[in-house]
Amino acid sequence: MYYFQKRGFEVCRRIAERLGIRTRVVRTSFIYLTFVTLGFGFALYLFLAFWLKIKDLIYTKRTSVFDL
């Protein structure tokens, strides 16, 4: 479990920080959503991971012109 937390997409952590709640609550919500909706929660998680990755690539803060 620690391996996935350290090297995962960090979707749950980023959502929890944005909403001001614990990461564990967001993770369990995704797990319950996946079981209740037969996989929709997992698809939503992958979509959010992809979206956050693209957002990070577009909005990277560069310190100087030479960081391109």
PDB file of N, CA and C in Angstrom:
ATOM      1  N   MET A   1       0.820  -1.188   0.000  1.00  0.00           N
ATOM      2  CA  MET A   1       0.000   0.000   0.000  1.00  0.00           C
ATOM      3  C   MET A   1       0.865   1.253   0.000  1.00  0.00           C
ATOM      4  N   TYR A   2       1.945   1.255   0.763  1.00  0.00           N
ATOM      5  CA  TYR A   2       2.819   2.419   0.814  1.00  0.00           C
ATOM      6  C   TYR A   2       3.442   2.687  -0.543  1.00  0.00           C
ATOM      7  N   TYR A   3       3.754   1.625  -1.298  1.00  0.00           N
ATOM      8  CA  TYR A   3       4.335   1.775  -2.630  1.00  0.00           C
ATOM      9  C   TYR A   3       3.401   2.568  -3.542  1.00  0.00           C
ATOM     10  N   PHE A   4       2.118   2.235  -3.521  1.00  0.00           N
ATOM     11  CA  PHE A   4       1.156   2.917  -4.382  1.00  0.00           C
ATOM     12  C   PHE A   4       0.898   4.344  -3.922  1.00  0.00           C
ATOM     13  N   GLN A   5       0.942   4.571  -2.620  1.00  0.00           N
ATOM     14  CA  GLN A   5       0.756   5.926  -2.115  1.00  0.00           C
ATOM     15  C   GLN A   5       1.919   6.817  -2.525  1.00  0.00           C
ATOM     16  N   LYS A   6       3.123   6.265  -2.517  1.00  0.00           N
ATOM     17  CA  LYS A   6       4.300   7.059  -2.836  1.00  0.00           C
ATOM     18  C   LYS A   6       4.453   7.298  -4.333  1.00  0.00           C
ATOM     19  N   ARG A   7       4.114   6.311  -5.148  1.00  0.00           N
ATOM     20  CA  ARG A   7       4.347   6.414  -6.581  1.00  0.00           C
ATOM     21  C   ARG A   7       3.069   6.505  -7.406  1.00  0.00           C
ATOM     22  N   GLY A   8       1.953   6.722  -6.756  1.00  0.00           N
ATOM     23  CA  GLY A   8       0.672   6.799  -7.452  1.00  0.00           C
ATOM     24  C   GLY A   8       0.468   8.152  -8.105  1.00  0.00           C
ATOM     25  N   PHE A   9      -0.734   8.374  -8.551  1.00  0.00           N
ATOM     26  CA  PHE A   9      -1.058   9.619  -9.237  1.00  0.00           C
ATOM     27  C   PHE A   9      -1.328  10.762  -8.274  1.00  0.00           C
ATOM     28  N   GLU A  10      -1.516  10.479  -7.009  1.00  0.00           N
ATOM     29  CA  GLU A  10      -1.788  11.469  -5.963  1.00  0.00           C
ATOM     30  C   GLU A  10      -3.084  12.226  -6.213  1.00  0.00           C
ATOM     31  N   VAL A  11      -4.033  11.589  -6.864  1.00  0.00           N
ATOM     32  CA  VAL A  11      -5.314  12.226  -7.136  1.00  0.00           C
ATOM     33  C   VAL A  11      -6.062  12.473  -5.833  1.00  0.00           C
ATOM     34  N   CYS A  12      -6.123  11.469  -4.976  1.00  0.00           N
ATOM     35  CA  CYS A  12      -6.863  11.604  -3.721  1.00  0.00           C
ATOM     36  C   CYS A  12      -6.254  12.662  -2.816  1.00  0.00           C
ATOM     37  N   ARG A  13      -4.952  12.714  -2.760  1.00  0.00           N
ATOM     38  CA  ARG A  13      -4.284  13.702  -1.910  1.00  0.00           C
ATOM     39  C   ARG A  13      -4.565  15.117  -2.392  1.00  0.00           C
ATOM     40  N   ARG A  14      -4.510  15.317  -3.700  1.00  0.00           N
ATOM     41  CA  ARG A  14      -4.734  16.652  -4.244  1.00  0.00           C
ATOM     42  C   ARG A  14      -6.184  17.093  -4.083  1.00  0.00           C
ATOM     43  N   ILE A  15      -7.122  16.169  -4.249  1.00  0.00           N
ATOM     44  CA  ILE A  15      -8.533  16.501  -4.043  1.00  0.00           C
ATOM     45  C   ILE A  15      -8.783  16.811  -2.576  1.00  0.00           C
ATOM     46  N   ALA A  16      -8.183  16.026  -1.686  1.00  0.00           N
ATOM     47  CA  ALA A  16      -8.370  16.246  -0.247  1.00  0.00           C
ATOM     48  C   ALA A  16      -7.792  17.590   0.183  1.00  0.00           C
ATOM     49  N   GLU A  17      -6.645  17.952  -0.343  1.00  0.00           N
ATOM     50  CA  GLU A  17      -6.064  19.251  -0.005  1.00  0.00           C
ATOM     51  C   GLU A  17      -6.946  20.385  -0.507  1.00  0.00           C
ATOM     52  N   ARG A  18      -7.509  20.221  -1.685  1.00  0.00           N
ATOM     53  CA  ARG A  18      -8.364  21.264  -2.257  1.00  0.00           C
ATOM     54  C   ARG A  18      -9.645  21.435  -1.438  1.00  0.00           C
ATOM     55  N   LEU A  19     -10.215  20.325  -0.984  1.00  0.00           N
ATOM     56  CA  LEU A  19     -11.468  20.377  -0.230  1.00  0.00           C
ATOM     57  C   LEU A  19     -11.258  20.583   1.264  1.00  0.00           C
ATOM     58  N   GLY A  20     -10.033  20.383   1.742  1.00  0.00           N
ATOM     59  CA  GLY A  20      -9.739  20.570   3.154  1.00  0.00           C
ATOM     60  C   GLY A  20     -10.198  19.412   4.029  1.00  0.00           C
ATOM     61  N   ILE A  21     -10.180  18.195   3.480  1.00  0.00           N
ATOM     62  CA  ILE A  21     -10.564  17.010   4.246  1.00  0.00           C
ATOM     63  C   ILE A  21      -9.420  16.014   4.225  1.00  0.00           C
ATOM     64  N   ARG A  22      -9.579  14.922   4.956  1.00  0.00           N
ATOM     65  CA  ARG A  22      -8.526  13.906   5.018  1.00  0.00           C
ATOM     66  C   ARG A  22      -8.451  13.109   3.718  1.00  0.00           C
ATOM     67  N   THR A  23      -7.251  12.676   3.394  1.00  0.00           N
ATOM     68  CA  THR A  23      -7.041  11.880   2.195  1.00  0.00           C
ATOM     69  C   THR A  23      -7.734  10.533   2.307  1.00  0.00           C
ATOM     70  N   ARG A  24      -7.761   9.997   3.503  1.00  0.00           N
ATOM     71  CA  ARG A  24      -8.384   8.689   3.710  1.00  0.00           C
ATOM     72  C   ARG A  24      -9.876   8.705   3.365  1.00  0.00           C
ATOM     73  N   VAL A  25     -10.544   9.810   3.651  1.00  0.00           N
ATOM     74  CA  VAL A  25     -11.969   9.938   3.331  1.00  0.00           C
ATOM     75  C   VAL A  25     -12.180   9.918   1.820  1.00  0.00           C
ATOM     76  N   VAL A  26     -11.326  10.598   1.096  1.00  0.00           N
ATOM     77  CA  VAL A  26     -11.445  10.633  -0.364  1.00  0.00           C
ATOM     78  C   VAL A  26     -11.163   9.250  -0.943  1.00  0.00           C
ATOM     79  N   ARG A  27     -10.149   8.568  -0.426  1.00  0.00           N
ATOM     80  CA  ARG A  27      -9.827   7.220  -0.926  1.00  0.00           C
ATOM     81  C   ARG A  27     -10.976   6.248  -0.697  1.00  0.00           C
ATOM     82  N   THR A  28     -11.524   6.259   0.505  1.00  0.00           N
ATOM     83  CA  THR A  28     -12.630   5.337   0.777  1.00  0.00           C
ATOM     84  C   THR A  28     -13.860   5.696  -0.045  1.00  0.00           C
ATOM     85  N   SER A  29     -14.053   6.973  -0.323  1.00  0.00           N
ATOM     86  CA  SER A  29     -15.170   7.378  -1.184  1.00  0.00           C
ATOM     87  C   SER A  29     -15.005   6.817  -2.587  1.00  0.00           C
ATOM     88  N   PHE A  30     -13.796   6.862  -3.125  1.00  0.00           N
ATOM     89  CA  PHE A  30     -13.540   6.282  -4.445  1.00  0.00           C
ATOM     90  C   PHE A  30     -13.750   4.770  -4.428  1.00  0.00           C
ATOM     91  N   ILE A  31     -13.339   4.123  -3.356  1.00  0.00           N
ATOM     92  CA  ILE A  31     -13.519   2.670  -3.259  1.00  0.00           C
ATOM     93  C   ILE A  31     -14.994   2.319  -3.212  1.00  0.00           C
ATOM     94  N   TYR A  32     -15.763   3.007  -2.375  1.00  0.00           N
ATOM     95  CA  TYR A  32     -17.200   2.728  -2.288  1.00  0.00           C
ATOM     96  C   TYR A  32     -17.908   3.069  -3.594  1.00  0.00           C
ATOM     97  N   LEU A  33     -17.517   4.165  -4.216  1.00  0.00           N
ATOM     98  CA  LEU A  33     -18.122   4.551  -5.488  1.00  0.00           C
ATOM     99  C   LEU A  33     -17.860   3.498  -6.559  1.00  0.00           C
ATOM    100  N   THR A  34     -16.674   2.911  -6.540  1.00  0.00           N
ATOM    101  CA  THR A  34     -16.339   1.871  -7.513  1.00  0.00           C
ATOM    102  C   THR A  34     -17.197   0.628  -7.304  1.00  0.00           C
ATOM    103  N   PHE A  35     -17.392   0.227  -6.058  1.00  0.00           N
ATOM    104  CA  PHE A  35     -18.212  -0.960  -5.800  1.00  0.00           C
ATOM    105  C   PHE A  35     -19.690  -0.718  -6.098  1.00  0.00           C
ATOM    106  N   VAL A  36     -20.186   0.450  -5.735  1.00  0.00           N
ATOM    107  CA  VAL A  36     -21.613   0.734  -5.908  1.00  0.00           C
ATOM    108  C   VAL A  36     -21.975   0.895  -7.381  1.00  0.00           C
ATOM    109  N   THR A  37     -21.131   1.570  -8.144  1.00  0.00           N
ATOM    110  CA  THR A  37     -21.464   1.864  -9.537  1.00  0.00           C
ATOM    111  C   THR A  37     -20.787   0.926 -10.528  1.00  0.00           C
ATOM    112  N   LEU A  38     -20.238  -0.153 -10.035  1.00  0.00           N
ATOM    113  CA  LEU A  38     -19.620  -1.184 -10.887  1.00  0.00           C
ATOM    114  C   LEU A  38     -18.511  -0.641 -11.785  1.00  0.00           C
ATOM    115  N   GLY A  39     -17.615   0.127 -11.216  1.00  0.00           N
ATOM    116  CA  GLY A  39     -16.425   0.561 -11.932  1.00  0.00           C
ATOM    117  C   GLY A  39     -16.402   2.014 -12.338  1.00  0.00           C
ATOM    118  N   PHE A  40     -17.480   2.755 -12.144  1.00  0.00           N
ATOM    119  CA  PHE A  40     -17.479   4.160 -12.528  1.00  0.00           C
ATOM    120  C   PHE A  40     -16.477   4.963 -11.700  1.00  0.00           C
ATOM    121  N   GLY A  41     -16.332   4.641 -10.424  1.00  0.00           N
ATOM    122  CA  GLY A  41     -15.381   5.356  -9.571  1.00  0.00           C
ATOM    123  C   GLY A  41     -13.955   5.188 -10.047  1.00  0.00           C
ATOM    124  N   PHE A  42     -13.618   3.973 -10.509  1.00  0.00           N
ATOM    125  CA  PHE A  42     -12.266   3.735 -11.031  1.00  0.00           C
ATOM    126  C   PHE A  42     -12.045   4.508 -12.329  1.00  0.00           C
ATOM    127  N   ALA A  43     -13.055   4.545 -13.182  1.00  0.00           N
ATOM    128  CA  ALA A  43     -12.954   5.304 -14.429  1.00  0.00           C
ATOM    129  C   ALA A  43     -12.820   6.797 -14.130  1.00  0.00           C
ATOM    130  N   LEU A  44     -13.562   7.285 -13.146  1.00  0.00           N
ATOM    131  CA  LEU A  44     -13.455   8.684 -12.741  1.00  0.00           C
ATOM    132  C   LEU A  44     -12.067   8.981 -12.186  1.00  0.00           C
ATOM    133  N   TYR A  45     -11.529   8.077 -11.391  1.00  0.00           N
ATOM    134  CA  TYR A  45     -10.187   8.246 -10.833  1.00  0.00           C
ATOM    135  C   TYR A  45      -9.143   8.335 -11.951  1.00  0.00           C
ATOM    136  N   LEU A  46      -9.230   7.457 -12.940  1.00  0.00           N
ATOM    137  CA  LEU A  46      -8.273   7.499 -14.049  1.00  0.00           C
ATOM    138  C   LEU A  46      -8.412   8.777 -14.865  1.00  0.00           C
ATOM    139  N   PHE A  47      -9.647   9.223 -15.070  1.00  0.00           N
ATOM    140  CA  PHE A  47      -9.866  10.478 -15.783  1.00  0.00           C
ATOM    141  C   PHE A  47      -9.245  11.647 -15.025  1.00  0.00           C
ATOM    142  N   LEU A  48      -9.452  11.706 -13.714  1.00  0.00           N
ATOM    143  CA  LEU A  48      -8.881  12.781 -12.913  1.00  0.00           C
ATOM    144  C   LEU A  48      -7.355  12.722 -12.892  1.00  0.00           C
ATOM    145  N   ALA A  49      -6.795  11.522 -12.854  1.00  0.00           N
ATOM    146  CA  ALA A  49      -5.336  11.383 -12.891  1.00  0.00           C
ATOM    147  C   ALA A  49      -4.783  11.911 -14.204  1.00  0.00           C
ATOM    148  N   PHE A  50      -5.432  11.577 -15.298  1.00  0.00           N
ATOM    149  CA  PHE A  50      -4.996  12.057 -16.612  1.00  0.00           C
ATOM    150  C   PHE A  50      -5.131  13.571 -16.690  1.00  0.00           C
ATOM    151  N   TRP A  51      -6.244  14.110 -16.202  1.00  0.00           N
ATOM    152  CA  TRP A  51      -6.497  15.541 -16.255  1.00  0.00           C
ATOM    153  C   TRP A  51      -5.476  16.311 -15.408  1.00  0.00           C
ATOM    154  N   LEU A  52      -5.176  15.810 -14.213  1.00  0.00           N
ATOM    155  CA  LEU A  52      -4.197  16.474 -13.357  1.00  0.00           C
ATOM    156  C   LEU A  52      -2.796  16.421 -13.956  1.00  0.00           C
ATOM    157  N   LYS A  53      -2.469  15.323 -14.622  1.00  0.00           N
ATOM    158  CA  LYS A  53      -1.153  15.209 -15.263  1.00  0.00           C
ATOM    159  C   LYS A  53      -1.015  16.221 -16.394  1.00  0.00           C
ATOM    160  N   ILE A  54      -2.055  16.353 -17.206  1.00  0.00           N
ATOM    161  CA  ILE A  54      -2.036  17.331 -18.291  1.00  0.00           C
ATOM    162  C   ILE A  54      -1.960  18.748 -17.732  1.00  0.00           C
ATOM    163  N   LYS A  55      -2.723  19.011 -16.674  1.00  0.00           N
ATOM    164  CA  LYS A  55      -2.700  20.325 -16.042  1.00  0.00           C
ATOM    165  C   LYS A  55      -1.319  20.655 -15.503  1.00  0.00           C
ATOM    166  N   ASP A  56      -0.661  19.675 -14.903  1.00  0.00           N
ATOM    167  CA  ASP A  56       0.692  19.894 -14.390  1.00  0.00           C
ATOM    168  C   ASP A  56       1.682  20.173 -15.515  1.00  0.00           C
ATOM    169  N   LEU A  57       1.511  19.512 -16.638  1.00  0.00           N
ATOM    170  CA  LEU A  57       2.412  19.744 -17.769  1.00  0.00           C
ATOM    171  C   LEU A  57       2.213  21.128 -18.379  1.00  0.00           C
ATOM    172  N   ILE A  58       0.976  21.610 -18.389  1.00  0.00           N
ATOM    173  CA  ILE A  58       0.690  22.913 -18.993  1.00  0.00           C
ATOM    174  C   ILE A  58       1.069  24.053 -18.060  1.00  0.00           C
ATOM    175  N   TYR A  59       0.723  23.917 -16.792  1.00  0.00           N
ATOM    176  CA  TYR A  59       0.914  24.998 -15.832  1.00  0.00           C
ATOM    177  C   TYR A  59       2.157  24.834 -14.971  1.00  0.00           C
ATOM    178  N   THR A  60       3.228  24.317 -15.509  1.00  0.00           N
ATOM    179  CA  THR A  60       4.447  24.197 -14.711  1.00  0.00           C
ATOM    180  C   THR A  60       5.039  25.587 -14.511  1.00  0.00           C
ATOM    181  N   LYS A  61       5.498  25.833 -13.320  1.00  0.00           N
ATOM    182  CA  LYS A  61       6.101  27.129 -13.012  1.00  0.00           C
ATOM    183  C   LYS A  61       7.576  27.075 -13.358  1.00  0.00           C
ATOM    184  N   ARG A  62       7.956  27.915 -14.255  1.00  0.00           N
ATOM    185  CA  ARG A  62       9.351  27.970 -14.659  1.00  0.00           C
ATOM    186  C   ARG A  62       9.999  29.193 -13.996  1.00  0.00           C
ATOM    187  N   THR A  63      11.208  29.019 -13.516  1.00  0.00           N
ATOM    188  CA  THR A  63      11.867  30.102 -12.812  1.00  0.00           C
ATOM    189  C   THR A  63      12.569  31.063 -13.762  1.00  0.00           C
ATOM    190  N   SER A  64      12.954  30.575 -14.927  1.00  0.00           N
ATOM    191  CA  SER A  64      13.614  31.470 -15.876  1.00  0.00           C
ATOM    192  C   SER A  64      13.282  31.048 -17.311  1.00  0.00           C
ATOM    193  N   VAL A  65      13.754  31.795 -18.241  1.00  0.00           N
ATOM    194  CA  VAL A  65      13.504  31.507 -19.642  1.00  0.00           C
ATOM    195  C   VAL A  65      14.252  30.257 -20.080  1.00  0.00           C
ATOM    196  N   PHE A  66      15.343  29.940 -19.431  1.00  0.00           N
ATOM    197  CA  PHE A  66      16.180  28.817 -19.826  1.00  0.00           C
ATOM    198  C   PHE A  66      15.665  27.469 -19.348  1.00  0.00           C
ATOM    199  N   ASP A  67      14.528  27.439 -18.639  1.00  0.00           N
ATOM    200  CA  ASP A  67      13.949  26.190 -18.148  1.00  0.00           C
ATOM    201  C   ASP A  67      13.064  25.502 -19.184  1.00  0.00           C
ATOM    202  N   LEU A  68      12.982  26.028 -20.376  1.00  0.00           N
ATOM    203  CA  LEU A  68      12.139  25.417 -21.400  1.00  0.00           C
ATOM    204  C   LEU A  68      12.725  24.109 -21.761  1.00  0.00           C
TER     205      LEU A  68
END
